[in-house]
Amino acid sequence: MAKINLKNKQTVLTKAQIHKTDTGSPEAQIALLTQSIAHLTKHLKTNPKDYSSRRGLLKKVGKRKALLNYLKSVSLSRYKKVISANNLKG
């Protein structure tokens, strides 16, 4: 399975960053996890018996959910902005 390339990662980060050097904010982390989750989902559709990738996918989904819950408790407006930017269910 191929990793997400650096150019795509930088593109996602520039859209989600709060400031120019931001890589650790919940918004940026959620955007990167969403891209990775989409990539793993696509991979698992063609490789349904790849259980280690499935486990990684579930861990990433859990991490994203935790970050979304944190963001929701801290700032509801930022949470809604992230939900709409990443096409997630809120």
Protein backbone atom coordinates (compact mmCIF):
# COMPACT_ATOMS: atom_id res chain seq x y z
CA MET A 1 0.00 0.00 0.00
CA ALA A 2 1.40 3.37 -1.01
CA LYS A 3 1.68 6.18 1.49
CA ILE A 4 0.02 9.51 0.83
CA ASN A 5 2.54 11.58 -1.08
CA LEU A 6 4.04 14.77 0.30
CA LYS A 7 2.45 17.07 -2.29
CA ASN A 8 -1.07 15.95 -1.36
CA LYS A 9 -0.23 16.31 2.33
CA GLN A 10 1.00 19.86 1.83
CA THR A 11 -2.09 20.75 -0.19
CA VAL A 12 -4.38 19.47 2.56
CA LEU A 13 -2.38 21.29 5.23
CA THR A 14 -2.45 24.63 3.42
CA LYS A 15 -6.25 24.47 3.27
CA ALA A 16 -6.64 23.56 6.95
CA GLN A 17 -3.89 25.62 8.59
CA ILE A 18 -4.71 28.40 11.02
CA HIS A 19 -1.36 30.10 10.38
CA LYS A 20 1.52 29.49 7.99
CA THR A 21 3.53 27.03 10.10
CA ASP A 22 0.54 25.24 11.66
CA THR A 23 0.71 21.45 11.60
CA GLY A 24 -0.55 20.54 15.07
CA SER A 25 -3.91 22.24 15.40
CA PRO A 26 -6.97 19.98 15.59
CA GLU A 27 -8.16 21.37 12.25
CA ALA A 28 -4.94 20.38 10.48
CA GLN A 29 -4.80 16.96 12.14
CA ILE A 30 -8.44 16.21 11.27
CA ALA A 31 -7.86 17.20 7.64
CA LEU A 32 -4.83 14.90 7.35
CA LEU A 33 -6.64 12.03 9.06
CA THR A 34 -9.63 12.48 6.76
CA GLN A 35 -7.39 12.23 3.70
CA SER A 36 -5.67 9.15 5.11
CA ILE A 37 -9.00 7.53 6.00
CA ALA A 38 -10.27 8.06 2.46
CA HIS A 39 -7.09 6.50 1.07
CA LEU A 40 -7.32 3.47 3.37
CA THR A 41 -11.02 3.01 2.61
CA LYS A 42 -10.24 2.91 -1.11
CA HIS A 43 -7.45 0.40 -0.47
CA LEU A 44 -9.69 -1.85 1.61
CA LYS A 45 -12.36 -1.96 -1.08
CA THR A 46 -9.87 -3.68 -3.38
CA ASN A 47 -8.12 -5.67 -0.61
CA PRO A 48 -10.86 -6.80 1.80
CA LYS A 49 -8.65 -9.30 3.67
CA ASP A 50 -5.97 -6.78 4.61
CA TYR A 51 -6.70 -6.87 8.33
CA SER A 52 -3.68 -4.86 9.45
CA SER A 53 -4.75 -1.95 7.25
CA ARG A 54 -8.30 -2.31 8.58
CA ARG A 55 -6.97 -2.00 12.12
CA GLY A 56 -4.99 1.09 11.15
CA LEU A 57 -8.10 2.56 9.57
CA LEU A 58 -10.13 2.00 12.74
CA LYS A 59 -7.40 3.61 14.85
CA LYS A 60 -7.38 6.67 12.59
CA VAL A 61 -11.17 6.94 12.70
CA GLY A 62 -11.04 6.81 16.50
CA LYS A 63 -8.31 9.45 16.64
CA ARG A 64 -10.31 11.73 14.33
CA LYS A 65 -13.42 11.25 16.46
CA ALA A 66 -11.50 12.16 19.61
CA LEU A 67 -10.12 15.30 17.96
CA LEU A 68 -13.60 16.27 16.76
CA ASN A 69 -15.02 15.79 20.26
CA TYR A 70 -12.23 17.93 21.70
CA LEU A 71 -12.79 20.66 19.13
CA LYS A 72 -16.53 20.58 19.77
CA SER A 73 -15.97 21.11 23.50
CA VAL A 74 -13.49 23.94 22.96
CA SER A 75 -15.09 25.91 20.12
CA LEU A 76 -18.36 25.03 18.44
CA SER A 77 -17.78 27.47 15.57
CA ARG A 78 -14.39 25.90 14.70
CA TYR A 79 -15.99 22.45 14.95
CA LYS A 80 -18.74 23.37 12.48
CA LYS A 81 -16.17 24.90 10.14
CA VAL A 82 -14.09 21.69 10.15
CA ILE A 83 -17.17 19.51 9.62
CA SER A 84 -18.20 21.47 6.54
CA ALA A 85 -14.66 21.78 5.16
CA ASN A 86 -14.05 18.01 5.33
CA ASN A 87 -17.56 16.91 4.29
CA LEU A 88 -18.16 15.01 7.54
CA LYS A 89 -21.37 14.23 9.33
CA GLY A 90 -21.89 16.37 12.40
